[in-house]
Every structure is written in structure tokens, then in C-alpha cells.
């Protein structure tokens, strides 16, 4: 029997759980002394099977495991329940990774182009799309085009404020939440303030402005969506940076340099002299 040894992923209990997931996925058994098993008692029927295994220096990809579909689904459901009950962000992330490997499948993307620069550009776009999809799977989606933040600004009207300073702070945040829609509309050649005003006048929180078509559409039905996780983390990061800037004693910025116009040419026979 030809054998290729690979290192089991993870550490400690997480490694044991990964091995159990792999056994269920391929229809095999985990051989461990904790279960009273060792290699001396190995039988060929303990082996799992799959369509293809690709092993590299850093990764191992297992395609089409032959494990029992019902057992795989039961394992996946157990992991989903564990995610809901988990209080540790680290543990939750590890369980989510296990769930993705167990039930998500594997896809191979082949990217081509006429030049190395074109391939690099396409690869970056695919990477962005994959990360956005992963974020959407983790926390869901919201209508895109900045409208999720725009409509969130309306809820801040209900926020009680203790004094005038707090009220101004709320208004600053509201203005910031309106900026994405305003900027998208302005860049499309229309009046951003008008678009923002019309959207805030109505109650359909899925309605937004499609800058490509120049019309109001249901953003979800039109396929214009954003991962909730991306929007949420962007807002949290912006709040963190803003808080830091308002509490620090000094901020260092680079003053943009204005390009000086070339000196005007002088009259005949007096080139290069200014009068």
C-alpha cells in the first residue's frame, strides 16, 4: 500500500475534531489510542475514500468524499448548533471553518488573460469576490449602494440625547451614513442631495439608486447587495478611528502639493523673462 503522510490541521481538541470531520466526510474511522484503537488493529475497511486528493507543501484538498450523506448532514447540523451556543469568537471562527470544509465543497477557478498585468487584475477581482461571498455567508447581506447605511441614519432620530453636544454628535454620524449614497450619485453625474432626499422620503428600505441605469430600483432584486459583515466592520473601524482622532492631542497630515504652472514665455527676444 502506497502512503503519503500529512500533518493533521489544528491543535489540541480542534485537531481531534478536524480528524473526526474528515472521517465522516470520507466514510473512514479515526484511529486513536483514546478510542482504544491503534495501527496494530488496523483493517482496510476502516479507510475512507474520495474521488481525488491533492497534496502540496502547505495544503491538502480532498474532493468528493464518499462518506454517508446523512451522517455528514447530521455532523454539519451539530456544528451549526455549536456555533449558536459558542461564546468565544475564536472557537466560533474555528467551528465555522470546519462547517465550511464539511459542507461547502471545493471549486477550482482558472484565471487567464492576455498579459501578466491582466491576469493579476482579474485575480484581485476574484479574490475580492470570494472574500465578499465568505463575509455574506457568515453574517448575511443588506441592500447595496450605500442604502443600508442611509436608512440606518433615520433610526438615529429616535436616539435620546442628554445635551446639545450629543445631539451634534448624532448629526455628524447621520451625515457620515448618508455620504456613500451621496457620493455614488454625484460620481454618476446627478445631484447627490436630491437622491438622498427622495430615498429618505419613502419607507421601502430595499429601494436604492442604480447609478449604472440612472433609476430607482429594488436593490436586492436587482442584485445590488453588500455583505453585512463588510458594512458593519467598516462602520466600527470608522468609529474607532474617529474616536482616536478626537481624543488625540495632535494629528500629522501631508499637505498636498499644488502643481505650479510653467512660467509664461516673454516677448520676442526676451524668452523666459517675466514682466
C-alpha atoms as a PDB file:
ATOM      1  CA  UNK A   1       0.000   0.000   0.000  1.00  0.00           C
ATOM      2  CA  UNK A   2       1.395   3.393  -1.012  1.00  0.00           C
ATOM      3  CA  UNK A   3       1.064   6.012   1.721  1.00  0.00           C
ATOM      4  CA  UNK A   4       1.591   9.781   1.874  1.00  0.00           C
ATOM      5  CA  UNK A   5       1.681  11.164   5.417  1.00  0.00           C
ATOM      6  CA  UNK A   6       0.263  14.644   6.042  1.00  0.00           C
ATOM      7  CA  UNK A   7       0.028  16.711   9.195  1.00  0.00           C
ATOM      8  CA  UNK A   8      -3.448  16.955  10.688  1.00  0.00           C
ATOM      9  CA  UNK A   9      -4.757  20.547  10.773  1.00  0.00           C
ATOM     10  CA  UNK A  10      -5.289  22.441  14.012  1.00  0.00           C
ATOM     11  CA  UNK A  11      -4.074  21.867  17.559  1.00  0.00           C
ATOM     12  CA  UNK A  12      -5.350  20.016  20.609  1.00  0.00           C
ATOM     13  CA  UNK A  13      -9.078  19.351  20.690  1.00  0.00           C
ATOM     14  CA  UNK A  14      -9.544  21.244  17.439  1.00  0.00           C
ATOM     15  CA  UNK A  15      -7.220  18.798  15.676  1.00  0.00           C
ATOM     16  CA  UNK A  16      -9.176  15.827  17.017  1.00  0.00           C
ATOM     17  CA  UNK A  17     -12.428  17.388  15.844  1.00  0.00           C
ATOM     18  CA  UNK A  18     -10.963  18.025  12.377  1.00  0.00           C
ATOM     19  CA  UNK A  19      -9.927  14.378  12.104  1.00  0.00           C
ATOM     20  CA  UNK A  20     -13.421  13.254  13.096  1.00  0.00           C
ATOM     21  CA  UNK A  21     -14.911  15.567  10.467  1.00  0.00           C
ATOM     22  CA  UNK A  22     -12.560  14.094   7.867  1.00  0.00           C
ATOM     23  CA  UNK A  23     -13.520  10.558   8.848  1.00  0.00           C
ATOM     24  CA  UNK A  24     -17.234  11.316   8.454  1.00  0.00           C
ATOM     25  CA  UNK A  25     -16.639  13.115   5.155  1.00  0.00           C
ATOM     26  CA  UNK A  26     -14.761  10.159   3.635  1.00  0.00           C
ATOM     27  CA  UNK A  27     -16.552   7.306   5.390  1.00  0.00           C
ATOM     28  CA  UNK A  28     -13.495   6.248   7.362  1.00  0.00           C
ATOM     29  CA  UNK A  29     -12.615   5.881  11.042  1.00  0.00           C
ATOM     30  CA  UNK A  30     -10.270   7.844  13.293  1.00  0.00           C
ATOM     31  CA  UNK A  31      -7.567   5.605  14.725  1.00  0.00           C
ATOM     32  CA  UNK A  32      -6.544   6.940  18.128  1.00  0.00           C
ATOM     33  CA  UNK A  33      -5.490   5.449  21.426  1.00  0.00           C
ATOM     34  CA  UNK A  34      -8.186   7.454  23.197  1.00  0.00           C
ATOM     35  CA  UNK A  35     -10.748   5.271  21.434  1.00  0.00           C
ATOM     36  CA  UNK A  36      -8.791   2.121  22.227  1.00  0.00           C
ATOM     37  CA  UNK A  37      -7.518   1.777  18.661  1.00  0.00           C
ATOM     38  CA  UNK A  38      -4.032   1.678  17.181  1.00  0.00           C
ATOM     39  CA  UNK A  39      -2.373   0.802  13.898  1.00  0.00           C
ATOM     40  CA  UNK A  40      -1.820  -2.799  15.000  1.00  0.00           C
ATOM     41  CA  UNK A  41      -5.587  -3.312  14.900  1.00  0.00           C
ATOM     42  CA  UNK A  42      -5.999  -1.595  11.532  1.00  0.00           C
ATOM     43  CA  UNK A  43      -8.324  -3.132   8.960  1.00  0.00           C
ATOM     44  CA  UNK A  44      -8.689  -1.978   5.324  1.00  0.00           C
ATOM     45  CA  UNK A  45     -12.409  -1.353   5.818  1.00  0.00           C
ATOM     46  CA  UNK A  46     -11.509   1.464   8.235  1.00  0.00           C
ATOM     47  CA  UNK A  47     -10.205   3.545   5.353  1.00  0.00           C
ATOM     48  CA  UNK A  48     -12.284   6.327   3.892  1.00  0.00           C
ATOM     49  CA  UNK A  49     -12.445   7.064   0.176  1.00  0.00           C
ATOM     50  CA  UNK A  50     -12.764  10.094  -2.069  1.00  0.00           C
ATOM     51  CA  UNK A  51     -12.516  10.965  -5.753  1.00  0.00           C
ATOM     52  CA  UNK A  52      -9.265  12.922  -5.585  1.00  0.00           C
ATOM     53  CA  UNK A  53      -6.671  14.181  -3.097  1.00  0.00           C
ATOM     54  CA  UNK A  54      -4.246  16.988  -3.943  1.00  0.00           C
ATOM     55  CA  UNK A  55      -1.348  17.486  -1.528  1.00  0.00           C
ATOM     56  CA  UNK A  56       1.001  20.471  -1.603  1.00  0.00           C
ATOM     57  CA  UNK A  57       3.594  21.867   0.787  1.00  0.00           C
ATOM     58  CA  UNK A  58       1.000  23.931   2.659  1.00  0.00           C
ATOM     59  CA  UNK A  59      -2.434  22.486   1.852  1.00  0.00           C
ATOM     60  CA  UNK A  60      -4.379  19.300   1.231  1.00  0.00           C
ATOM     61  CA  UNK A  61      -7.563  19.355  -0.867  1.00  0.00           C
ATOM     62  CA  UNK A  62      -9.987  16.425  -0.677  1.00  0.00           C
ATOM     63  CA  UNK A  63     -12.645  16.223  -3.407  1.00  0.00           C
ATOM     64  CA  UNK A  64     -15.924  14.274  -3.319  1.00  0.00           C
ATOM     65  CA  UNK A  65     -15.625  12.346  -0.069  1.00  0.00           C
ATOM     66  CA  UNK A  66     -17.592   9.082  -0.110  1.00  0.00           C
ATOM     67  CA  UNK A  67     -18.997   9.420   3.402  1.00  0.00           C
ATOM     68  CA  UNK A  68     -22.651   8.790   4.235  1.00  0.00           C
ATOM     69  CA  UNK A  69     -24.672  11.876   3.231  1.00  0.00           C
ATOM     70  CA  UNK A  70     -26.959  11.589   6.237  1.00  0.00           C
ATOM     71  CA  UNK A  71     -24.012  11.343   8.639  1.00  0.00           C
ATOM     72  CA  UNK A  72     -22.383  14.377   7.010  1.00  0.00           C
ATOM     73  CA  UNK A  73     -25.576  16.429   7.326  1.00  0.00           C
ATOM     74  CA  UNK A  74     -26.018  15.401  10.971  1.00  0.00           C
ATOM     75  CA  UNK A  75     -22.427  16.441  11.675  1.00  0.00           C
ATOM     76  CA  UNK A  76     -22.999  19.755   9.913  1.00  0.00           C
ATOM     77  CA  UNK A  77     -26.153  20.390  11.937  1.00  0.00           C
ATOM     78  CA  UNK A  78     -24.224  19.649  15.132  1.00  0.00           C
ATOM     79  CA  UNK A  79     -21.632  22.246  14.133  1.00  0.00           C
ATOM     80  CA  UNK A  80     -24.344  24.832  13.392  1.00  0.00           C
ATOM     81  CA  UNK A  81     -25.801  24.287  16.859  1.00  0.00           C
ATOM     82  CA  UNK A  82     -22.337  24.643  18.388  1.00  0.00           C
ATOM     83  CA  UNK A  83     -21.848  27.972  16.597  1.00  0.00           C
ATOM     84  CA  UNK A  84     -25.101  29.342  18.046  1.00  0.00           C
ATOM     85  CA  UNK A  85     -24.138  28.310  21.582  1.00  0.00           C
ATOM     86  CA  UNK A  86     -20.473  29.329  21.368  1.00  0.00           C
ATOM     87  CA  UNK A  87     -19.449  32.455  23.315  1.00  0.00           C
ATOM     88  CA  UNK A  88     -15.808  32.612  22.198  1.00  0.00           C
ATOM     89  CA  UNK A  89     -15.149  34.402  18.900  1.00  0.00           C
ATOM     90  CA  UNK A  90     -12.043  32.283  18.327  1.00  0.00           C
ATOM     91  CA  UNK A  91     -13.863  28.985  18.880  1.00  0.00           C
ATOM     92  CA  UNK A  92     -16.784  30.176  16.766  1.00  0.00           C
ATOM     93  CA  UNK A  93     -14.432  31.002  13.882  1.00  0.00           C
ATOM     94  CA  UNK A  94     -12.799  27.564  14.061  1.00  0.00           C
ATOM     95  CA  UNK A  95     -16.171  25.799  14.059  1.00  0.00           C
ATOM     96  CA  UNK A  96     -17.285  27.899  11.087  1.00  0.00           C
ATOM     97  CA  UNK A  97     -14.144  26.819   9.228  1.00  0.00           C
ATOM     98  CA  UNK A  98     -14.929  23.174   9.980  1.00  0.00           C
ATOM     99  CA  UNK A  99     -18.514  23.599   8.804  1.00  0.00           C
ATOM    100  CA  UNK A 100     -17.349  25.193   5.550  1.00  0.00           C
ATOM    101  CA  UNK A 101     -14.933  22.326   4.872  1.00  0.00           C
ATOM    102  CA  UNK A 102     -17.556  19.724   5.707  1.00  0.00           C
ATOM    103  CA  UNK A 103     -20.463  21.069   3.684  1.00  0.00           C
ATOM    104  CA  UNK A 104     -19.188  23.808   1.396  1.00  0.00           C
ATOM    105  CA  UNK A 105     -17.473  21.732  -1.278  1.00  0.00           C
ATOM    106  CA  UNK A 106     -14.453  22.776  -3.326  1.00  0.00           C
ATOM    107  CA  UNK A 107     -14.208  24.767  -6.544  1.00  0.00           C
ATOM    108  CA  UNK A 108     -11.193  25.294  -8.788  1.00  0.00           C
ATOM    109  CA  UNK A 109     -11.023  28.681 -10.510  1.00  0.00           C
ATOM    110  CA  UNK A 110      -8.831  29.081 -13.576  1.00  0.00           C
ATOM    111  CA  UNK A 111      -7.963  32.678 -14.446  1.00  0.00           C
ATOM    112  CA  UNK A 112      -6.463  33.650 -17.785  1.00  0.00           C
ATOM    113  CA  UNK A 113      -5.556  36.811 -19.632  1.00  0.00           C
ATOM    114  CA  UNK A 114      -3.555  38.286 -22.475  1.00  0.00           C
ATOM    115  CA  UNK A 115      -0.840  39.640 -20.179  1.00  0.00           C
ATOM    116  CA  UNK A 116       0.550  39.190 -16.677  1.00  0.00           C
ATOM    117  CA  UNK A 117      -0.945  42.524 -15.630  1.00  0.00           C
ATOM    118  CA  UNK A 118      -4.396  41.488 -16.848  1.00  0.00           C
ATOM    119  CA  UNK A 119      -4.201  38.159 -15.030  1.00  0.00           C
ATOM    120  CA  UNK A 120      -3.144  39.940 -11.834  1.00  0.00           C
ATOM    121  CA  UNK A 121      -6.051  42.369 -12.116  1.00  0.00           C
ATOM    122  CA  UNK A 122      -8.547  39.546 -12.680  1.00  0.00           C
ATOM    123  CA  UNK A 123      -7.075  37.560  -9.807  1.00  0.00           C
ATOM    124  CA  UNK A 124      -7.504  40.518  -7.452  1.00  0.00           C
ATOM    125  CA  UNK A 125     -11.153  40.875  -8.510  1.00  0.00           C
ATOM    126  CA  UNK A 126     -11.809  37.174  -7.963  1.00  0.00           C
ATOM    127  CA  UNK A 127     -10.157  37.349  -4.540  1.00  0.00           C
ATOM    128  CA  UNK A 128     -12.360  40.311  -3.602  1.00  0.00           C
ATOM    129  CA  UNK A 129     -15.443  38.418  -4.795  1.00  0.00           C
ATOM    130  CA  UNK A 130     -14.506  35.326  -2.792  1.00  0.00           C
ATOM    131  CA  UNK A 131     -13.928  37.352   0.373  1.00  0.00           C
ATOM    132  CA  UNK A 132     -17.221  39.194  -0.115  1.00  0.00           C
ATOM    133  CA  UNK A 133     -19.051  35.896  -0.603  1.00  0.00           C
ATOM    134  CA  UNK A 134     -17.448  34.443   2.518  1.00  0.00           C
ATOM    135  CA  UNK A 135     -18.495  37.502   4.522  1.00  0.00           C
ATOM    136  CA  UNK A 136     -22.038  37.237   3.142  1.00  0.00           C
ATOM    137  CA  UNK A 137     -22.278  33.592   4.185  1.00  0.00           C
ATOM    138  CA  UNK A 138     -21.096  34.430   7.704  1.00  0.00           C
ATOM    139  CA  UNK A 139     -23.453  37.326   8.516  1.00  0.00           C
ATOM    140  CA  UNK A 140     -25.865  37.731   5.603  1.00  0.00           C
ATOM    141  CA  UNK A 141     -26.455  40.557   3.138  1.00  0.00           C
ATOM    142  CA  UNK A 142     -28.042  44.016   3.024  1.00  0.00           C
ATOM    143  CA  UNK A 143     -29.196  46.194   0.107  1.00  0.00           C
ATOM    144  CA  UNK A 144     -26.125  47.691  -1.577  1.00  0.00           C
ATOM    145  CA  UNK A 145     -25.246  51.058  -2.990  1.00  0.00           C
ATOM    146  CA  UNK A 146     -24.945  52.591   0.474  1.00  0.00           C
ATOM    147  CA  UNK A 147     -28.700  52.488   1.175  1.00  0.00           C
ATOM    148  CA  UNK A 148     -28.338  50.238   4.243  1.00  0.00           C
ATOM    149  CA  UNK A 149     -26.312  52.946   5.971  1.00  0.00           C
ATOM    150  CA  UNK A 150     -28.620  55.653   4.621  1.00  0.00           C
ATOM    151  CA  UNK A 151     -31.736  54.110   6.149  1.00  0.00           C
ATOM    152  CA  UNK A 152     -29.837  53.355   9.363  1.00  0.00           C
ATOM    153  CA  UNK A 153     -29.351  57.114   9.737  1.00  0.00           C
ATOM    154  CA  UNK A 154     -33.134  57.510  10.138  1.00  0.00           C
ATOM    155  CA  UNK A 155     -33.147  55.316  13.237  1.00  0.00           C
ATOM    156  CA  UNK A 156     -30.723  57.696  14.928  1.00  0.00           C
ATOM    157  CA  UNK A 157     -33.564  60.252  15.056  1.00  0.00           C
ATOM    158  CA  UNK A 158     -35.035  58.095  17.835  1.00  0.00           C
ATOM    159  CA  UNK A 159     -31.811  58.131  19.842  1.00  0.00           C
ATOM    160  CA  UNK A 160     -32.243  60.191  23.039  1.00  0.00           C
ATOM    161  CA  UNK A 161     -29.563  62.812  23.687  1.00  0.00           C
ATOM    162  CA  UNK A 162     -28.745  64.367  27.041  1.00  0.00           C
ATOM    163  CA  UNK A 163     -27.377  67.662  25.760  1.00  0.00           C
ATOM    164  CA  UNK A 164     -26.646  69.757  22.698  1.00  0.00           C
ATOM    165  CA  UNK A 165     -23.164  68.298  22.210  1.00  0.00           C
ATOM    166  CA  UNK A 166     -24.558  64.772  21.992  1.00  0.00           C
ATOM    167  CA  UNK A 167     -27.159  65.943  19.504  1.00  0.00           C
ATOM    168  CA  UNK A 168     -24.430  67.404  17.292  1.00  0.00           C
ATOM    169  CA  UNK A 169     -22.530  64.115  17.554  1.00  0.00           C
ATOM    170  CA  UNK A 170     -25.577  62.181  16.351  1.00  0.00           C
ATOM    171  CA  UNK A 171     -25.976  64.571  13.429  1.00  0.00           C
ATOM    172  CA  UNK A 172     -22.326  64.065  12.457  1.00  0.00           C
ATOM    173  CA  UNK A 173     -22.855  60.298  12.352  1.00  0.00           C
ATOM    174  CA  UNK A 174     -26.059  60.713  10.345  1.00  0.00           C
ATOM    175  CA  UNK A 175     -24.254  62.853   7.788  1.00  0.00           C
ATOM    176  CA  UNK A 176     -21.499  60.249   7.528  1.00  0.00           C
ATOM    177  CA  UNK A 177     -24.046  57.470   6.954  1.00  0.00           C
ATOM    178  CA  UNK A 178     -25.603  59.452   4.098  1.00  0.00           C
ATOM    179  CA  UNK A 179     -22.276  60.076   2.377  1.00  0.00           C
ATOM    180  CA  UNK A 180     -21.926  56.778   0.410  1.00  0.00           C
ATOM    181  CA  UNK A 181     -25.223  57.238  -1.464  1.00  0.00           C
ATOM    182  CA  UNK A 182     -24.487  60.934  -1.966  1.00  0.00           C
ATOM    183  CA  UNK A 183     -21.018  60.197  -3.372  1.00  0.00           C
ATOM    184  CA  UNK A 184     -22.198  57.405  -5.689  1.00  0.00           C
ATOM    185  CA  UNK A 185     -24.927  59.633  -7.118  1.00  0.00           C
ATOM    186  CA  UNK A 186     -22.591  62.604  -7.514  1.00  0.00           C
ATOM    187  CA  UNK A 187     -19.994  60.497  -9.315  1.00  0.00           C
ATOM    188  CA  UNK A 188     -22.754  59.347 -11.674  1.00  0.00           C
ATOM    189  CA  UNK A 189     -23.390  62.958 -12.678  1.00  0.00           C
ATOM    190  CA  UNK A 190     -26.582  63.618 -10.719  1.00  0.00           C
ATOM    191  CA  UNK A 191     -27.324  65.741  -7.667  1.00  0.00           C
ATOM    192  CA  UNK A 192     -26.463  63.588  -4.656  1.00  0.00           C
ATOM    193  CA  UNK A 193     -28.551  65.605  -2.204  1.00  0.00           C
ATOM    194  CA  UNK A 194     -31.670  65.091  -4.342  1.00  0.00           C
ATOM    195  CA  UNK A 195     -31.183  61.309  -4.491  1.00  0.00           C
ATOM    196  CA  UNK A 196     -30.621  61.112  -0.730  1.00  0.00           C
ATOM    197  CA  UNK A 197     -33.703  63.234  -0.059  1.00  0.00           C
ATOM    198  CA  UNK A 198     -36.007  61.158  -2.275  1.00  0.00           C
ATOM    199  CA  UNK A 199     -34.856  57.877  -0.750  1.00  0.00           C
ATOM    200  CA  UNK A 200     -35.372  59.142   2.801  1.00  0.00           C
ATOM    201  CA  UNK A 201     -38.894  60.330   1.949  1.00  0.00           C
ATOM    202  CA  UNK A 202     -40.204  56.803   1.318  1.00  0.00           C
ATOM    203  CA  UNK A 203     -40.420  53.701   3.545  1.00  0.00           C
ATOM    204  CA  UNK A 204     -39.130  50.835   1.350  1.00  0.00           C
ATOM    205  CA  UNK A 205     -35.699  50.054   2.793  1.00  0.00           C
ATOM    206  CA  UNK A 206     -34.781  47.913  -0.235  1.00  0.00           C
ATOM    207  CA  UNK A 207     -35.182  50.838  -2.638  1.00  0.00           C
ATOM    208  CA  UNK A 208     -31.990  52.474  -3.857  1.00  0.00           C
ATOM    209  CA  UNK A 209     -30.424  54.343  -6.743  1.00  0.00           C
ATOM    210  CA  UNK A 210     -28.847  52.292  -9.544  1.00  0.00           C
ATOM    211  CA  UNK A 211     -26.139  54.650 -10.779  1.00  0.00           C
ATOM    212  CA  UNK A 212     -25.426  52.490 -13.844  1.00  0.00           C
ATOM    213  CA  UNK A 213     -29.022  52.736 -15.103  1.00  0.00           C
ATOM    214  CA  UNK A 214     -29.830  56.116 -13.586  1.00  0.00           C
ATOM    215  CA  UNK A 215     -33.027  54.912 -11.923  1.00  0.00           C
ATOM    216  CA  UNK A 216     -34.512  53.861  -8.595  1.00  0.00           C
ATOM    217  CA  UNK A 217     -34.709  50.079  -8.177  1.00  0.00           C
ATOM    218  CA  UNK A 218     -35.232  47.370  -5.578  1.00  0.00           C
ATOM    219  CA  UNK A 219     -31.565  46.801  -4.780  1.00  0.00           C
ATOM    220  CA  UNK A 220     -31.963  43.187  -3.628  1.00  0.00           C
ATOM    221  CA  UNK A 221     -33.978  42.132  -6.691  1.00  0.00           C
ATOM    222  CA  UNK A 222     -31.501  43.968  -8.928  1.00  0.00           C
ATOM    223  CA  UNK A 223     -28.625  42.012  -7.368  1.00  0.00           C
ATOM    224  CA  UNK A 224     -27.013  45.117  -5.878  1.00  0.00           C
ATOM    225  CA  UNK A 225     -26.104  43.865  -2.418  1.00  0.00           C
ATOM    226  CA  UNK A 226     -23.363  44.198   0.193  1.00  0.00           C
ATOM    227  CA  UNK A 227     -22.198  41.687   2.822  1.00  0.00           C
ATOM    228  CA  UNK A 228     -23.441  42.820   6.229  1.00  0.00           C
ATOM    229  CA  UNK A 229     -20.075  41.978   7.778  1.00  0.00           C
ATOM    230  CA  UNK A 230     -18.252  44.348   5.412  1.00  0.00           C
ATOM    231  CA  UNK A 231     -20.644  47.221   6.142  1.00  0.00           C
ATOM    232  CA  UNK A 232     -20.591  46.583   9.887  1.00  0.00           C
ATOM    233  CA  UNK A 233     -16.816  46.345  10.225  1.00  0.00           C
ATOM    234  CA  UNK A 234     -16.324  49.445   8.060  1.00  0.00           C
ATOM    235  CA  UNK A 235     -18.625  51.387  10.378  1.00  0.00           C
ATOM    236  CA  UNK A 236     -16.941  50.051  13.517  1.00  0.00           C
ATOM    237  CA  UNK A 237     -13.470  50.846  12.161  1.00  0.00           C
ATOM    238  CA  UNK A 238     -14.542  54.349  11.136  1.00  0.00           C
ATOM    239  CA  UNK A 239     -15.968  54.982  14.596  1.00  0.00           C
ATOM    240  CA  UNK A 240     -12.751  53.741  16.204  1.00  0.00           C
ATOM    241  CA  UNK A 241     -10.535  55.975  14.063  1.00  0.00           C
ATOM    242  CA  UNK A 242     -12.815  58.982  14.575  1.00  0.00           C
ATOM    243  CA  UNK A 243     -12.756  58.460  18.335  1.00  0.00           C
ATOM    244  CA  UNK A 244      -8.963  58.286  18.281  1.00  0.00           C
ATOM    245  CA  UNK A 245      -8.702  61.476  16.232  1.00  0.00           C
ATOM    246  CA  UNK A 246     -10.985  63.432  18.568  1.00  0.00           C
ATOM    247  CA  UNK A 247      -9.100  62.394  21.709  1.00  0.00           C
ATOM    248  CA  UNK A 248      -5.520  62.739  20.487  1.00  0.00           C
ATOM    249  CA  UNK A 249      -3.518  65.905  21.075  1.00  0.00           C
ATOM    250  CA  UNK A 250      -2.092  66.187  17.578  1.00  0.00           C
ATOM    251  CA  UNK A 251      -2.542  64.767  14.092  1.00  0.00           C
ATOM    252  CA  UNK A 252       0.136  64.714  11.403  1.00  0.00           C
ATOM    253  CA  UNK A 253      -1.045  65.106   7.822  1.00  0.00           C
ATOM    254  CA  UNK A 254       0.679  65.587   4.499  1.00  0.00           C
ATOM    255  CA  UNK A 255      -0.133  68.868   2.796  1.00  0.00           C
ATOM    256  CA  UNK A 256      -0.970  68.213  -0.860  1.00  0.00           C
ATOM    257  CA  UNK A 257       1.383  69.945  -3.253  1.00  0.00           C
ATOM    258  CA  UNK A 258      -0.099  72.092  -5.967  1.00  0.00           C
ATOM    259  CA  UNK A 259       1.488  71.750  -9.375  1.00  0.00           C
ATOM    260  CA  UNK A 260       2.919  75.105 -10.398  1.00  0.00           C
ATOM    261  CA  UNK A 261       2.114  76.263 -13.908  1.00  0.00           C
ATOM    262  CA  UNK A 262       5.023  76.608 -16.308  1.00  0.00           C
ATOM    263  CA  UNK A 263       6.345  80.195 -16.467  1.00  0.00           C
ATOM    264  CA  UNK A 264       4.921  82.273 -19.282  1.00  0.00           C
ATOM    265  CA  UNK A 265       7.241  82.957 -22.182  1.00  0.00           C
ATOM    266  CA  UNK A 266       8.391  86.525 -22.644  1.00  0.00           C
ATOM    267  CA  UNK A 267       8.033  88.684 -25.748  1.00  0.00           C
ATOM    268  CA  UNK A 268      10.167  88.320 -28.830  1.00  0.00           C
ATOM    269  CA  UNK A 269      13.838  88.173 -27.920  1.00  0.00           C
ATOM    270  CA  UNK A 270      13.046  88.177 -24.205  1.00  0.00           C
ATOM    271  CA  UNK A 271      12.243  84.490 -23.686  1.00  0.00           C
ATOM    272  CA  UNK A 272      11.930  83.309 -20.137  1.00  0.00           C
ATOM    273  CA  UNK A 273      11.606  86.769 -18.582  1.00  0.00           C
ATOM    274  CA  UNK A 274       8.557  87.891 -16.625  1.00  0.00           C
ATOM    275  CA  UNK A 275       7.283  91.459 -16.790  1.00  0.00           C
END
